[in-house]
Amino acid sequence: MQHIFFCLETHIYKTNEQEQISTKLPDFNIYWKLAEKRFTRGRGISGMLIGWKKDLKNMGIAIKILEIDDLIIMEIGRKNDSTIRILPVYLRGENWMQNFEKNKDIHLELWVSKSSCCTLKEKKS
């Protein structure tokens, strides 16, 4: 059973569509970043849906969603313990390096293998 899920590049940009999906996930806290409708034709872009089980709180796990500039970051922590941060990233093939360049100050290194798989690793100071 999943406790946390991320859906990136969702095309939901209307609140009625948002409500229809949210009601189907009653056991989850939901964070939405609605898609942007930039053109009259076509679908919305850049939407995001993050869900986490409500019962995580009963397990002593606190989840916060941080919005820093254009980034959405999930912070997961327990009382008297350190926190971890998850940065969900959708990178379009034609401009992925530009997207990373503008966010250098979050101290991440990007490792790209020949198979185009990306792994994020915390940068050591």
N, C-alpha and C. Protein backbone atom coordinates (compact mmCIF):
# COMPACT_ATOMS: atom_id res chain seq x y z
N MET A 1 0.84 -1.17 0.00
CA MET A 1 0.00 0.00 0.00
C MET A 1 0.89 1.24 0.00
N GLN A 2 0.61 2.18 -0.87
CA GLN A 2 1.39 3.40 -0.96
C GLN A 2 0.97 4.39 0.12
N HIS A 3 1.97 5.06 0.68
CA HIS A 3 1.69 6.09 1.66
C HIS A 3 1.86 7.49 1.06
N ILE A 4 2.69 7.59 0.03
CA ILE A 4 2.95 8.86 -0.63
C ILE A 4 2.97 8.62 -2.14
N PHE A 5 2.37 9.54 -2.89
CA PHE A 5 2.47 9.45 -4.35
C PHE A 5 2.63 10.85 -4.94
N PHE A 6 3.25 10.88 -6.12
CA PHE A 6 3.45 12.11 -6.87
C PHE A 6 2.95 11.88 -8.29
N CYS A 7 2.19 12.79 -8.81
CA CYS A 7 1.81 12.78 -10.23
C CYS A 7 2.30 14.10 -10.81
N LEU A 8 3.24 14.01 -11.72
CA LEU A 8 3.82 15.19 -12.32
C LEU A 8 3.27 15.40 -13.72
N GLU A 9 3.25 16.66 -14.11
CA GLU A 9 2.75 17.08 -15.42
C GLU A 9 1.29 16.67 -15.60
N THR A 10 0.51 16.94 -14.56
CA THR A 10 -0.93 16.71 -14.67
C THR A 10 -1.53 17.84 -15.49
N HIS A 11 -2.67 17.60 -16.06
CA HIS A 11 -3.29 18.58 -16.94
C HIS A 11 -4.55 19.17 -16.32
N ILE A 12 -4.67 19.10 -15.01
CA ILE A 12 -5.84 19.59 -14.30
C ILE A 12 -5.66 21.09 -14.04
N TYR A 13 -6.53 21.89 -14.58
CA TYR A 13 -6.42 23.33 -14.36
C TYR A 13 -7.75 23.97 -13.95
N LYS A 14 -8.77 23.18 -13.75
CA LYS A 14 -10.06 23.68 -13.30
C LYS A 14 -10.37 23.09 -11.93
N THR A 15 -10.94 23.91 -11.05
CA THR A 15 -11.19 23.44 -9.70
C THR A 15 -12.23 22.33 -9.65
N ASN A 16 -13.18 22.29 -10.59
CA ASN A 16 -14.16 21.20 -10.55
C ASN A 16 -13.50 19.86 -10.86
N GLU A 17 -12.51 19.84 -11.75
CA GLU A 17 -11.78 18.60 -12.03
C GLU A 17 -10.94 18.20 -10.81
N GLN A 18 -10.38 19.18 -10.16
CA GLN A 18 -9.59 18.96 -8.95
C GLN A 18 -10.45 18.31 -7.87
N GLU A 19 -11.64 18.81 -7.67
CA GLU A 19 -12.54 18.27 -6.65
C GLU A 19 -12.97 16.84 -6.98
N GLN A 20 -13.21 16.55 -8.26
CA GLN A 20 -13.61 15.20 -8.65
C GLN A 20 -12.53 14.18 -8.29
N ILE A 21 -11.29 14.53 -8.51
CA ILE A 21 -10.19 13.61 -8.22
C ILE A 21 -9.96 13.53 -6.71
N SER A 22 -9.98 14.65 -6.03
CA SER A 22 -9.73 14.67 -4.58
C SER A 22 -10.75 13.83 -3.82
N THR A 23 -12.00 13.84 -4.24
CA THR A 23 -13.03 13.07 -3.53
C THR A 23 -12.83 11.56 -3.70
N LYS A 24 -12.07 11.15 -4.70
CA LYS A 24 -11.79 9.73 -4.89
C LYS A 24 -10.62 9.26 -4.04
N LEU A 25 -10.00 10.18 -3.30
CA LEU A 25 -8.85 9.86 -2.46
C LEU A 25 -9.10 10.31 -1.02
N PRO A 26 -10.15 9.79 -0.39
CA PRO A 26 -10.53 10.31 0.93
C PRO A 26 -9.52 10.03 2.04
N ASP A 27 -8.66 9.03 1.88
CA ASP A 27 -7.68 8.69 2.92
C ASP A 27 -6.38 9.47 2.79
N PHE A 28 -6.32 10.38 1.82
CA PHE A 28 -5.09 11.11 1.54
C PHE A 28 -5.25 12.60 1.76
N ASN A 29 -4.19 13.21 2.28
CA ASN A 29 -4.06 14.67 2.21
C ASN A 29 -3.57 14.96 0.81
N ILE A 30 -4.09 15.99 0.21
CA ILE A 30 -3.77 16.28 -1.19
C ILE A 30 -3.20 17.68 -1.31
N TYR A 31 -2.13 17.78 -2.09
CA TYR A 31 -1.59 19.09 -2.47
C TYR A 31 -1.70 19.19 -3.99
N TRP A 32 -2.24 20.28 -4.46
CA TRP A 32 -2.39 20.51 -5.90
C TRP A 32 -1.57 21.72 -6.33
N LYS A 33 -0.89 21.59 -7.41
CA LYS A 33 -0.41 22.73 -8.18
C LYS A 33 -1.16 22.61 -9.50
N LEU A 34 -2.13 23.49 -9.70
CA LEU A 34 -2.95 23.38 -10.90
C LEU A 34 -2.11 23.70 -12.14
N ALA A 35 -2.47 23.04 -13.23
CA ALA A 35 -1.79 23.27 -14.50
C ALA A 35 -2.11 24.68 -15.00
N GLU A 36 -1.24 25.18 -15.82
CA GLU A 36 -1.42 26.50 -16.42
C GLU A 36 -1.96 26.32 -17.84
N LYS A 37 -2.98 27.05 -18.15
CA LYS A 37 -3.55 27.03 -19.51
C LYS A 37 -2.97 28.24 -20.23
N ARG A 38 -1.99 28.00 -21.07
CA ARG A 38 -1.29 29.11 -21.73
C ARG A 38 -1.87 29.46 -23.08
N PHE A 39 -2.54 28.51 -23.71
CA PHE A 39 -3.10 28.75 -25.04
C PHE A 39 -4.57 28.34 -25.04
N THR A 40 -5.34 28.92 -25.94
CA THR A 40 -6.77 28.58 -25.99
C THR A 40 -6.97 27.15 -26.43
N ARG A 41 -6.11 26.66 -27.28
CA ARG A 41 -6.19 25.25 -27.69
C ARG A 41 -5.19 24.43 -26.90
N GLY A 42 -5.48 23.16 -26.79
CA GLY A 42 -4.57 22.25 -26.09
C GLY A 42 -4.87 22.18 -24.60
N ARG A 43 -4.07 21.40 -23.93
CA ARG A 43 -4.29 21.15 -22.51
C ARG A 43 -3.38 22.01 -21.65
N GLY A 44 -3.68 22.02 -20.36
CA GLY A 44 -2.85 22.74 -19.41
C GLY A 44 -1.52 22.02 -19.22
N ILE A 45 -0.52 22.75 -18.72
CA ILE A 45 0.81 22.17 -18.50
C ILE A 45 1.27 22.49 -17.08
N SER A 46 2.27 21.76 -16.64
CA SER A 46 3.00 22.01 -15.39
C SER A 46 2.19 21.77 -14.12
N GLY A 47 1.16 20.97 -14.18
CA GLY A 47 0.41 20.66 -12.97
C GLY A 47 1.08 19.57 -12.16
N MET A 48 0.73 19.50 -10.87
CA MET A 48 1.30 18.49 -10.00
C MET A 48 0.26 18.10 -8.94
N LEU A 49 0.25 16.83 -8.61
CA LEU A 49 -0.61 16.30 -7.55
C LEU A 49 0.28 15.49 -6.62
N ILE A 50 0.24 15.82 -5.33
CA ILE A 50 0.99 15.07 -4.32
C ILE A 50 -0.03 14.59 -3.29
N GLY A 51 0.05 13.32 -2.94
CA GLY A 51 -0.85 12.78 -1.93
C GLY A 51 -0.08 12.01 -0.89
N TRP A 52 -0.52 12.12 0.37
CA TRP A 52 0.08 11.33 1.45
C TRP A 52 -1.02 10.91 2.40
N LYS A 53 -0.88 9.67 2.87
CA LYS A 53 -1.90 9.07 3.74
C LYS A 53 -2.09 9.90 5.00
N LYS A 54 -3.35 10.09 5.37
CA LYS A 54 -3.67 10.84 6.58
C LYS A 54 -3.16 10.14 7.83
N ASP A 55 -3.10 8.82 7.80
CA ASP A 55 -2.67 8.08 8.99
C ASP A 55 -1.17 8.17 9.27
N LEU A 56 -0.39 8.80 8.39
CA LEU A 56 1.03 9.01 8.68
C LEU A 56 1.20 9.87 9.93
N LYS A 57 0.26 10.78 10.15
CA LYS A 57 0.31 11.63 11.34
C LYS A 57 0.22 10.78 12.61
N ASN A 58 -0.63 9.73 12.58
CA ASN A 58 -0.77 8.82 13.73
C ASN A 58 0.51 8.02 13.98
N MET A 59 1.34 7.90 12.97
CA MET A 59 2.61 7.18 13.08
C MET A 59 3.74 8.12 13.50
N GLY A 60 3.40 9.38 13.79
CA GLY A 60 4.40 10.34 14.22
C GLY A 60 5.17 10.98 13.09
N ILE A 61 4.66 10.86 11.88
CA ILE A 61 5.34 11.42 10.72
C ILE A 61 4.61 12.70 10.30
N ALA A 62 5.38 13.77 10.23
CA ALA A 62 4.82 15.07 9.82
C ALA A 62 5.28 15.38 8.40
N ILE A 63 4.36 15.85 7.60
CA ILE A 63 4.68 16.20 6.22
C ILE A 63 4.28 17.64 5.98
N LYS A 64 5.22 18.38 5.40
CA LYS A 64 4.96 19.76 5.00
C LYS A 64 5.28 19.89 3.52
N ILE A 65 4.51 20.73 2.86
CA ILE A 65 4.82 21.08 1.48
C ILE A 65 5.37 22.49 1.49
N LEU A 66 6.57 22.65 0.98
CA LEU A 66 7.23 23.95 0.92
C LEU A 66 7.20 24.45 -0.51
N GLU A 67 6.91 25.71 -0.69
CA GLU A 67 6.97 26.34 -2.01
C GLU A 67 8.09 27.36 -1.95
N ILE A 68 9.16 27.07 -2.66
CA ILE A 68 10.33 27.94 -2.69
C ILE A 68 10.57 28.33 -4.15
N ASP A 69 10.36 29.60 -4.43
CA ASP A 69 10.40 30.10 -5.81
C ASP A 69 9.43 29.27 -6.65
N ASP A 70 9.91 28.63 -7.70
CA ASP A 70 9.04 27.81 -8.55
C ASP A 70 9.07 26.34 -8.14
N LEU A 71 9.72 26.01 -7.04
CA LEU A 71 9.88 24.61 -6.64
C LEU A 71 8.86 24.22 -5.59
N ILE A 72 8.40 22.99 -5.69
CA ILE A 72 7.54 22.38 -4.68
C ILE A 72 8.39 21.30 -4.01
N ILE A 73 8.55 21.37 -2.69
CA ILE A 73 9.39 20.43 -1.96
C ILE A 73 8.57 19.80 -0.85
N MET A 74 8.64 18.48 -0.74
CA MET A 74 7.97 17.78 0.35
C MET A 74 9.00 17.53 1.45
N GLU A 75 8.65 17.97 2.66
CA GLU A 75 9.52 17.76 3.81
C GLU A 75 8.86 16.72 4.72
N ILE A 76 9.61 15.67 5.05
CA ILE A 76 9.09 14.58 5.86
C ILE A 76 9.94 14.49 7.12
N GLY A 77 9.27 14.46 8.28
CA GLY A 77 10.02 14.40 9.52
C GLY A 77 9.26 13.69 10.62
N ARG A 78 10.00 13.31 11.65
CA ARG A 78 9.45 12.73 12.87
C ARG A 78 9.89 13.59 14.03
N LYS A 79 9.15 13.53 15.12
CA LYS A 79 9.55 14.28 16.31
C LYS A 79 10.94 13.83 16.75
N ASN A 80 11.76 14.79 17.14
CA ASN A 80 13.12 14.52 17.64
C ASN A 80 13.99 13.78 16.63
N ASP A 81 13.74 13.96 15.36
CA ASP A 81 14.53 13.29 14.34
C ASP A 81 14.78 14.29 13.22
N SER A 82 15.73 14.00 12.38
CA SER A 82 16.00 14.89 11.26
C SER A 82 14.92 14.73 10.19
N THR A 83 14.87 15.69 9.30
CA THR A 83 13.89 15.63 8.21
C THR A 83 14.59 15.30 6.90
N ILE A 84 13.81 14.79 5.98
CA ILE A 84 14.30 14.61 4.62
C ILE A 84 13.42 15.46 3.72
N ARG A 85 13.97 15.86 2.61
CA ARG A 85 13.23 16.64 1.63
C ARG A 85 13.23 15.91 0.31
N ILE A 86 12.08 15.91 -0.31
CA ILE A 86 11.92 15.29 -1.62
C ILE A 86 11.55 16.39 -2.60
N LEU A 87 12.28 16.45 -3.68
CA LEU A 87 12.04 17.43 -4.73
C LEU A 87 11.51 16.72 -5.96
N PRO A 88 10.18 16.71 -6.17
CA PRO A 88 9.65 16.09 -7.38
C PRO A 88 9.96 16.99 -8.58
N VAL A 89 10.56 16.40 -9.60
CA VAL A 89 10.99 17.19 -10.75
C VAL A 89 10.50 16.53 -12.04
N TYR A 90 9.89 17.33 -12.88
CA TYR A 90 9.57 16.89 -14.24
C TYR A 90 10.42 17.74 -15.16
N LEU A 91 11.29 17.11 -15.90
CA LEU A 91 12.17 17.83 -16.81
C LEU A 91 11.84 17.47 -18.24
N ARG A 92 11.45 18.47 -19.00
CA ARG A 92 11.19 18.25 -20.42
C ARG A 92 12.52 18.01 -21.12
N GLY A 93 12.52 17.13 -22.08
CA GLY A 93 13.76 16.74 -22.75
C GLY A 93 14.53 17.88 -23.38
N GLU A 94 13.83 18.85 -23.96
CA GLU A 94 14.54 19.89 -24.71
C GLU A 94 15.15 20.99 -23.84
N ASN A 95 14.74 21.10 -22.57
CA ASN A 95 15.30 22.20 -21.77
C ASN A 95 15.55 21.80 -20.31
N TRP A 96 15.90 20.57 -20.07
CA TRP A 96 16.07 20.13 -18.70
C TRP A 96 17.23 20.81 -18.00
N MET A 97 18.33 21.08 -18.69
CA MET A 97 19.47 21.73 -18.05
C MET A 97 19.14 23.18 -17.67
N GLN A 98 18.36 23.87 -18.49
CA GLN A 98 17.93 25.23 -18.15
C GLN A 98 17.14 25.22 -16.85
N ASN A 99 16.25 24.26 -16.69
CA ASN A 99 15.45 24.17 -15.47
C ASN A 99 16.33 23.94 -14.25
N PHE A 100 17.38 23.16 -14.41
CA PHE A 100 18.27 22.92 -13.28
C PHE A 100 19.18 24.11 -13.02
N GLU A 101 19.65 24.76 -14.06
CA GLU A 101 20.54 25.90 -13.89
C GLU A 101 19.91 27.00 -13.04
N LYS A 102 18.61 27.23 -13.23
CA LYS A 102 17.98 28.33 -12.49
C LYS A 102 17.77 27.99 -11.02
N ASN A 103 18.00 26.74 -10.62
CA ASN A 103 17.78 26.32 -9.23
C ASN A 103 19.05 25.80 -8.57
N LYS A 104 20.18 26.34 -8.94
CA LYS A 104 21.46 25.87 -8.39
C LYS A 104 21.54 26.01 -6.88
N ASP A 105 20.92 27.01 -6.32
CA ASP A 105 21.06 27.29 -4.90
C ASP A 105 20.37 26.30 -3.99
N ILE A 106 19.74 25.27 -4.53
CA ILE A 106 19.18 24.23 -3.67
C ILE A 106 20.20 23.14 -3.38
N HIS A 107 21.44 23.31 -3.85
CA HIS A 107 22.57 22.44 -3.53
C HIS A 107 22.35 20.98 -3.92
N LEU A 108 22.02 20.76 -5.15
CA LEU A 108 21.89 19.40 -5.66
C LEU A 108 22.83 19.22 -6.83
N GLU A 109 23.32 18.02 -6.96
CA GLU A 109 24.10 17.68 -8.14
C GLU A 109 23.25 16.80 -9.02
N LEU A 110 23.37 16.97 -10.30
CA LEU A 110 22.63 16.14 -11.24
C LEU A 110 23.61 15.19 -11.91
N TRP A 111 23.31 13.92 -11.79
CA TRP A 111 24.11 12.90 -12.45
C TRP A 111 23.25 12.30 -13.55
N VAL A 112 23.75 12.32 -14.75
CA VAL A 112 22.99 11.81 -15.87
C VAL A 112 23.77 10.67 -16.51
N SER A 113 23.14 9.53 -16.60
CA SER A 113 23.80 8.38 -17.22
C SER A 113 23.50 8.39 -18.71
N LYS A 114 24.17 7.52 -19.43
CA LYS A 114 23.95 7.44 -20.87
C LYS A 114 22.54 6.99 -21.22
N SER A 115 21.86 6.35 -20.28
CA SER A 115 20.51 5.90 -20.55
C SER A 115 19.47 6.99 -20.24
N SER A 116 19.93 8.20 -19.98
CA SER A 116 19.08 9.37 -19.70
C SER A 116 18.31 9.25 -18.39
N CYS A 117 18.77 8.41 -17.48
CA CYS A 117 18.14 8.33 -16.16
C CYS A 117 18.81 9.35 -15.26
N CYS A 118 18.02 10.02 -14.48
CA CYS A 118 18.57 11.07 -13.61
C CYS A 118 18.48 10.64 -12.16
N THR A 119 19.52 10.94 -11.39
CA THR A 119 19.53 10.70 -9.96
C THR A 119 19.96 11.99 -9.29
N LEU A 120 19.23 12.40 -8.27
CA LEU A 120 19.60 13.59 -7.53
C LEU A 120 20.34 13.17 -6.28
N LYS A 121 21.42 13.86 -5.98
CA LYS A 121 22.25 13.52 -4.86
C LYS A 121 22.54 14.80 -4.07
N GLU A 122 22.43 14.76 -2.76
CA GLU A 122 22.68 15.95 -1.96
C GLU A 122 24.15 16.35 -2.09
N LYS A 123 24.37 17.61 -2.34
CA LYS A 123 25.72 18.11 -2.53
C LYS A 123 26.40 18.29 -1.18
N LYS A 124 27.64 17.81 -1.07
CA LYS A 124 28.40 17.94 0.17
C LYS A 124 29.08 19.30 0.19
N SER A 125 28.97 19.99 1.32
CA SER A 125 29.55 21.34 1.45
C SER A 125 31.03 21.28 1.76
